[in-house]
């Protein structure tokens, strides 16, 4: 089972995605059939926010005084998480913060694709994936693409 809790820091925030909370929850339900998630009881949270909040969080936790598209706050390192998933029934992975302003200002016309890229990227960080080296970047990027393709071809 995969469960996601979606919160918006401002319900009146203008965005181009109709009901992003419901959208993500439907996509996550689809993911529980994907091999990467089979037989795992995991939960995580997503906060949908804007430039100001994400810039403050980026400064506070990463010492980078700039706006970004996504931040992830995993509760466990990858090796610890793997052991815990085998040993426990329920695991809380951590939190993802998404900047809706970045999605709305995306140069592509496919807002939903951009939204998927960002929340999936953040979620993979909760699983311990990183992109500090070119090899890690390629590995994470390939997995993101596989998951996005799986979600896009759901019907």
C-alpha atoms as a PDB file:
ATOM      1  CA  UNK A   1       0.000   0.000   0.000  1.00  0.00           C
ATOM      2  CA  UNK A   2       1.215   3.474  -0.829  1.00  0.00           C
ATOM      3  CA  UNK A   3      -0.368   6.455   0.858  1.00  0.00           C
ATOM      4  CA  UNK A   4       0.328  10.095   0.162  1.00  0.00           C
ATOM      5  CA  UNK A   5      -0.871  13.040   2.233  1.00  0.00           C
ATOM      6  CA  UNK A   6      -1.134  16.200   0.139  1.00  0.00           C
ATOM      7  CA  UNK A   7      -1.316  19.631   1.739  1.00  0.00           C
ATOM      8  CA  UNK A   8      -1.519  23.075   0.182  1.00  0.00           C
ATOM      9  CA  UNK A   9      -0.216  26.031   2.175  1.00  0.00           C
ATOM     10  CA  UNK A  10      -2.672  28.330   0.435  1.00  0.00           C
ATOM     11  CA  UNK A  11      -5.934  26.950  -0.942  1.00  0.00           C
ATOM     12  CA  UNK A  12      -6.412  30.082  -3.047  1.00  0.00           C
ATOM     13  CA  UNK A  13      -3.069  29.735  -4.799  1.00  0.00           C
ATOM     14  CA  UNK A  14      -3.551  29.922  -8.532  1.00  0.00           C
ATOM     15  CA  UNK A  15      -2.269  26.941 -10.415  1.00  0.00           C
ATOM     16  CA  UNK A  16      -3.006  25.272 -13.696  1.00  0.00           C
ATOM     17  CA  UNK A  17      -3.700  21.823 -12.255  1.00  0.00           C
ATOM     18  CA  UNK A  18      -7.247  21.126 -11.277  1.00  0.00           C
ATOM     19  CA  UNK A  19      -7.233  19.548  -7.801  1.00  0.00           C
ATOM     20  CA  UNK A  20      -3.531  18.578  -7.525  1.00  0.00           C
ATOM     21  CA  UNK A  21      -4.186  16.605  -4.332  1.00  0.00           C
ATOM     22  CA  UNK A  22      -6.654  14.264  -6.032  1.00  0.00           C
ATOM     23  CA  UNK A  23      -4.399  14.049  -9.091  1.00  0.00           C
ATOM     24  CA  UNK A  24      -1.383  12.892  -7.063  1.00  0.00           C
ATOM     25  CA  UNK A  25      -3.434  10.429  -5.024  1.00  0.00           C
ATOM     26  CA  UNK A  26      -4.761   8.804  -8.215  1.00  0.00           C
ATOM     27  CA  UNK A  27      -1.255   8.536  -9.646  1.00  0.00           C
ATOM     28  CA  UNK A  28       0.073   7.022  -6.417  1.00  0.00           C
ATOM     29  CA  UNK A  29      -2.707   4.436  -6.464  1.00  0.00           C
ATOM     30  CA  UNK A  30      -1.586   3.518  -9.956  1.00  0.00           C
ATOM     31  CA  UNK A  31       2.008   3.201  -8.748  1.00  0.00           C
ATOM     32  CA  UNK A  32       1.195   0.495  -6.225  1.00  0.00           C
ATOM     33  CA  UNK A  33       1.045  -1.903  -9.178  1.00  0.00           C
ATOM     34  CA  UNK A  34       4.478  -0.835 -10.434  1.00  0.00           C
ATOM     35  CA  UNK A  35       7.278  -3.281  -9.577  1.00  0.00           C
ATOM     36  CA  UNK A  36       9.232  -0.647  -7.663  1.00  0.00           C
ATOM     37  CA  UNK A  37       6.409  -0.328  -5.117  1.00  0.00           C
ATOM     38  CA  UNK A  38       4.911  -3.810  -4.952  1.00  0.00           C
ATOM     39  CA  UNK A  39       4.271  -5.198  -1.503  1.00  0.00           C
ATOM     40  CA  UNK A  40       5.484  -2.069   0.266  1.00  0.00           C
ATOM     41  CA  UNK A  41       3.467  -0.269   2.921  1.00  0.00           C
ATOM     42  CA  UNK A  42       4.786   3.239   2.638  1.00  0.00           C
ATOM     43  CA  UNK A  43       3.511   6.721   3.297  1.00  0.00           C
ATOM     44  CA  UNK A  44       4.809  10.198   2.561  1.00  0.00           C
ATOM     45  CA  UNK A  45       3.557  13.780   2.478  1.00  0.00           C
ATOM     46  CA  UNK A  46       3.632  16.475  -0.167  1.00  0.00           C
ATOM     47  CA  UNK A  47       3.282  20.182   0.529  1.00  0.00           C
ATOM     48  CA  UNK A  48       2.208  22.317  -2.425  1.00  0.00           C
ATOM     49  CA  UNK A  49       3.548  25.821  -1.985  1.00  0.00           C
ATOM     50  CA  UNK A  50       5.054  28.798  -3.791  1.00  0.00           C
ATOM     51  CA  UNK A  51       8.296  30.693  -4.269  1.00  0.00           C
ATOM     52  CA  UNK A  52       8.467  32.395  -0.881  1.00  0.00           C
ATOM     53  CA  UNK A  53       8.017  29.300   1.287  1.00  0.00           C
ATOM     54  CA  UNK A  54      10.305  27.059  -0.754  1.00  0.00           C
ATOM     55  CA  UNK A  55      13.032  29.726  -0.792  1.00  0.00           C
ATOM     56  CA  UNK A  56      12.875  29.978   3.020  1.00  0.00           C
ATOM     57  CA  UNK A  57      13.050  26.185   3.400  1.00  0.00           C
ATOM     58  CA  UNK A  58      15.922  25.957   0.911  1.00  0.00           C
ATOM     59  CA  UNK A  59      17.846  28.613   2.864  1.00  0.00           C
ATOM     60  CA  UNK A  60      17.130  27.038   6.241  1.00  0.00           C
ATOM     61  CA  UNK A  61      17.858  23.395   5.404  1.00  0.00           C
ATOM     62  CA  UNK A  62      20.283  23.571   2.463  1.00  0.00           C
ATOM     63  CA  UNK A  63      21.849  27.009   3.051  1.00  0.00           C
ATOM     64  CA  UNK A  64      20.886  28.029  -0.496  1.00  0.00           C
ATOM     65  CA  UNK A  65      19.109  31.367  -0.674  1.00  0.00           C
ATOM     66  CA  UNK A  66      17.242  30.696  -3.892  1.00  0.00           C
ATOM     67  CA  UNK A  67      13.963  29.434  -5.267  1.00  0.00           C
ATOM     68  CA  UNK A  68      13.827  25.810  -6.382  1.00  0.00           C
ATOM     69  CA  UNK A  69      11.208  23.477  -7.804  1.00  0.00           C
ATOM     70  CA  UNK A  70      11.250  20.694  -5.209  1.00  0.00           C
ATOM     71  CA  UNK A  71      12.748  19.852  -1.825  1.00  0.00           C
ATOM     72  CA  UNK A  72      12.752  16.442  -0.181  1.00  0.00           C
ATOM     73  CA  UNK A  73      13.181  15.620   3.469  1.00  0.00           C
ATOM     74  CA  UNK A  74      13.731  11.867   3.798  1.00  0.00           C
ATOM     75  CA  UNK A  75      13.398  10.330   7.233  1.00  0.00           C
ATOM     76  CA  UNK A  76      15.924   7.571   6.504  1.00  0.00           C
ATOM     77  CA  UNK A  77      19.129   6.976   4.582  1.00  0.00           C
ATOM     78  CA  UNK A  78      18.749   4.535   1.686  1.00  0.00           C
ATOM     79  CA  UNK A  79      20.469   1.573   3.409  1.00  0.00           C
ATOM     80  CA  UNK A  80      18.448   2.027   6.606  1.00  0.00           C
ATOM     81  CA  UNK A  81      15.237   2.367   4.608  1.00  0.00           C
ATOM     82  CA  UNK A  82      15.857  -0.895   2.729  1.00  0.00           C
ATOM     83  CA  UNK A  83      16.276  -2.758   6.024  1.00  0.00           C
ATOM     84  CA  UNK A  84      13.198  -1.141   7.524  1.00  0.00           C
ATOM     85  CA  UNK A  85      11.004  -1.951   4.526  1.00  0.00           C
ATOM     86  CA  UNK A  86      11.925  -5.621   4.894  1.00  0.00           C
ATOM     87  CA  UNK A  87      11.378  -5.609   8.661  1.00  0.00           C
ATOM     88  CA  UNK A  88       8.329  -3.386   9.132  1.00  0.00           C
ATOM     89  CA  UNK A  89       4.822  -3.242   7.792  1.00  0.00           C
ATOM     90  CA  UNK A  90       4.493   0.548   7.687  1.00  0.00           C
ATOM     91  CA  UNK A  91       7.174   3.092   6.858  1.00  0.00           C
ATOM     92  CA  UNK A  92       6.841   6.861   6.728  1.00  0.00           C
ATOM     93  CA  UNK A  93       9.335   7.977   4.055  1.00  0.00           C
ATOM     94  CA  UNK A  94       9.362  11.714   4.699  1.00  0.00           C
ATOM     95  CA  UNK A  95       8.157  14.933   3.123  1.00  0.00           C
ATOM     96  CA  UNK A  96       8.303  16.563  -0.308  1.00  0.00           C
ATOM     97  CA  UNK A  97       7.768  20.281  -0.893  1.00  0.00           C
ATOM     98  CA  UNK A  98       6.727  21.319  -4.412  1.00  0.00           C
ATOM     99  CA  UNK A  99       6.835  24.845  -5.792  1.00  0.00           C
ATOM    100  CA  UNK A 100       3.700  25.221  -7.908  1.00  0.00           C
ATOM    101  CA  UNK A 101       5.019  28.502  -9.328  1.00  0.00           C
ATOM    102  CA  UNK A 102       7.816  26.596 -11.081  1.00  0.00           C
ATOM    103  CA  UNK A 103       5.288  24.260 -12.670  1.00  0.00           C
ATOM    104  CA  UNK A 104       3.040  27.115 -13.753  1.00  0.00           C
ATOM    105  CA  UNK A 105       5.968  28.916 -15.383  1.00  0.00           C
ATOM    106  CA  UNK A 106       7.242  25.807 -17.153  1.00  0.00           C
ATOM    107  CA  UNK A 107       8.303  26.466 -20.763  1.00  0.00           C
ATOM    108  CA  UNK A 108       6.531  23.314 -21.927  1.00  0.00           C
ATOM    109  CA  UNK A 109       2.842  23.222 -22.630  1.00  0.00           C
ATOM    110  CA  UNK A 110       2.458  19.966 -20.723  1.00  0.00           C
ATOM    111  CA  UNK A 111       1.872  21.139 -17.156  1.00  0.00           C
ATOM    112  CA  UNK A 112       0.846  17.669 -15.937  1.00  0.00           C
ATOM    113  CA  UNK A 113       4.064  16.146 -17.262  1.00  0.00           C
ATOM    114  CA  UNK A 114       6.102  18.807 -15.454  1.00  0.00           C
ATOM    115  CA  UNK A 115       4.095  18.210 -12.283  1.00  0.00           C
ATOM    116  CA  UNK A 116       4.713  14.457 -12.543  1.00  0.00           C
ATOM    117  CA  UNK A 117       8.436  14.985 -13.066  1.00  0.00           C
ATOM    118  CA  UNK A 118       8.705  17.153  -9.977  1.00  0.00           C
ATOM    119  CA  UNK A 119       6.722  15.061  -7.494  1.00  0.00           C
ATOM    120  CA  UNK A 120       8.289  11.809  -8.734  1.00  0.00           C
ATOM    121  CA  UNK A 121      11.758  13.351  -8.452  1.00  0.00           C
ATOM    122  CA  UNK A 122      11.008  14.411  -4.881  1.00  0.00           C
ATOM    123  CA  UNK A 123       9.560  11.017  -4.009  1.00  0.00           C
ATOM    124  CA  UNK A 124      12.657   9.207  -5.323  1.00  0.00           C
ATOM    125  CA  UNK A 125      14.805  11.347  -3.038  1.00  0.00           C
ATOM    126  CA  UNK A 126      12.726   9.975  -0.149  1.00  0.00           C
ATOM    127  CA  UNK A 127      13.780   6.497  -1.277  1.00  0.00           C
ATOM    128  CA  UNK A 128      17.413   7.599  -1.011  1.00  0.00           C
ATOM    129  CA  UNK A 129      18.178   8.352  -4.637  1.00  0.00           C
ATOM    130  CA  UNK A 130      20.600  11.205  -5.219  1.00  0.00           C
ATOM    131  CA  UNK A 131      22.141  12.931  -8.195  1.00  0.00           C
ATOM    132  CA  UNK A 132      25.481  14.123  -6.870  1.00  0.00           C
ATOM    133  CA  UNK A 133      27.468  12.345  -9.578  1.00  0.00           C
ATOM    134  CA  UNK A 134      26.790  11.803 -13.281  1.00  0.00           C
ATOM    135  CA  UNK A 135      26.259   8.084 -12.674  1.00  0.00           C
ATOM    136  CA  UNK A 136      23.745   8.766  -9.881  1.00  0.00           C
ATOM    137  CA  UNK A 137      22.033  11.392 -12.035  1.00  0.00           C
ATOM    138  CA  UNK A 138      21.633   8.981 -14.953  1.00  0.00           C
ATOM    139  CA  UNK A 139      20.332   6.217 -12.690  1.00  0.00           C
ATOM    140  CA  UNK A 140      17.783   8.490 -11.025  1.00  0.00           C
ATOM    141  CA  UNK A 141      16.783  10.142 -14.301  1.00  0.00           C
ATOM    142  CA  UNK A 142      16.213   6.767 -15.982  1.00  0.00           C
ATOM    143  CA  UNK A 143      14.034   5.610 -13.098  1.00  0.00           C
ATOM    144  CA  UNK A 144      12.042   8.858 -13.216  1.00  0.00           C
ATOM    145  CA  UNK A 145      11.442   8.359 -16.934  1.00  0.00           C
ATOM    146  CA  UNK A 146      10.337   4.747 -16.442  1.00  0.00           C
ATOM    147  CA  UNK A 147       7.866   5.753 -13.740  1.00  0.00           C
ATOM    148  CA  UNK A 148       6.526   8.675 -15.795  1.00  0.00           C
ATOM    149  CA  UNK A 149       6.111   6.427 -18.848  1.00  0.00           C
ATOM    150  CA  UNK A 150       4.271   3.897 -16.702  1.00  0.00           C
ATOM    151  CA  UNK A 151       1.911   6.598 -15.420  1.00  0.00           C
ATOM    152  CA  UNK A 152       1.389   8.194 -18.829  1.00  0.00           C
ATOM    153  CA  UNK A 153       0.469   4.873 -20.425  1.00  0.00           C
ATOM    154  CA  UNK A 154      -2.050   3.870 -17.801  1.00  0.00           C
ATOM    155  CA  UNK A 155      -5.046   3.589 -20.135  1.00  0.00           C
END
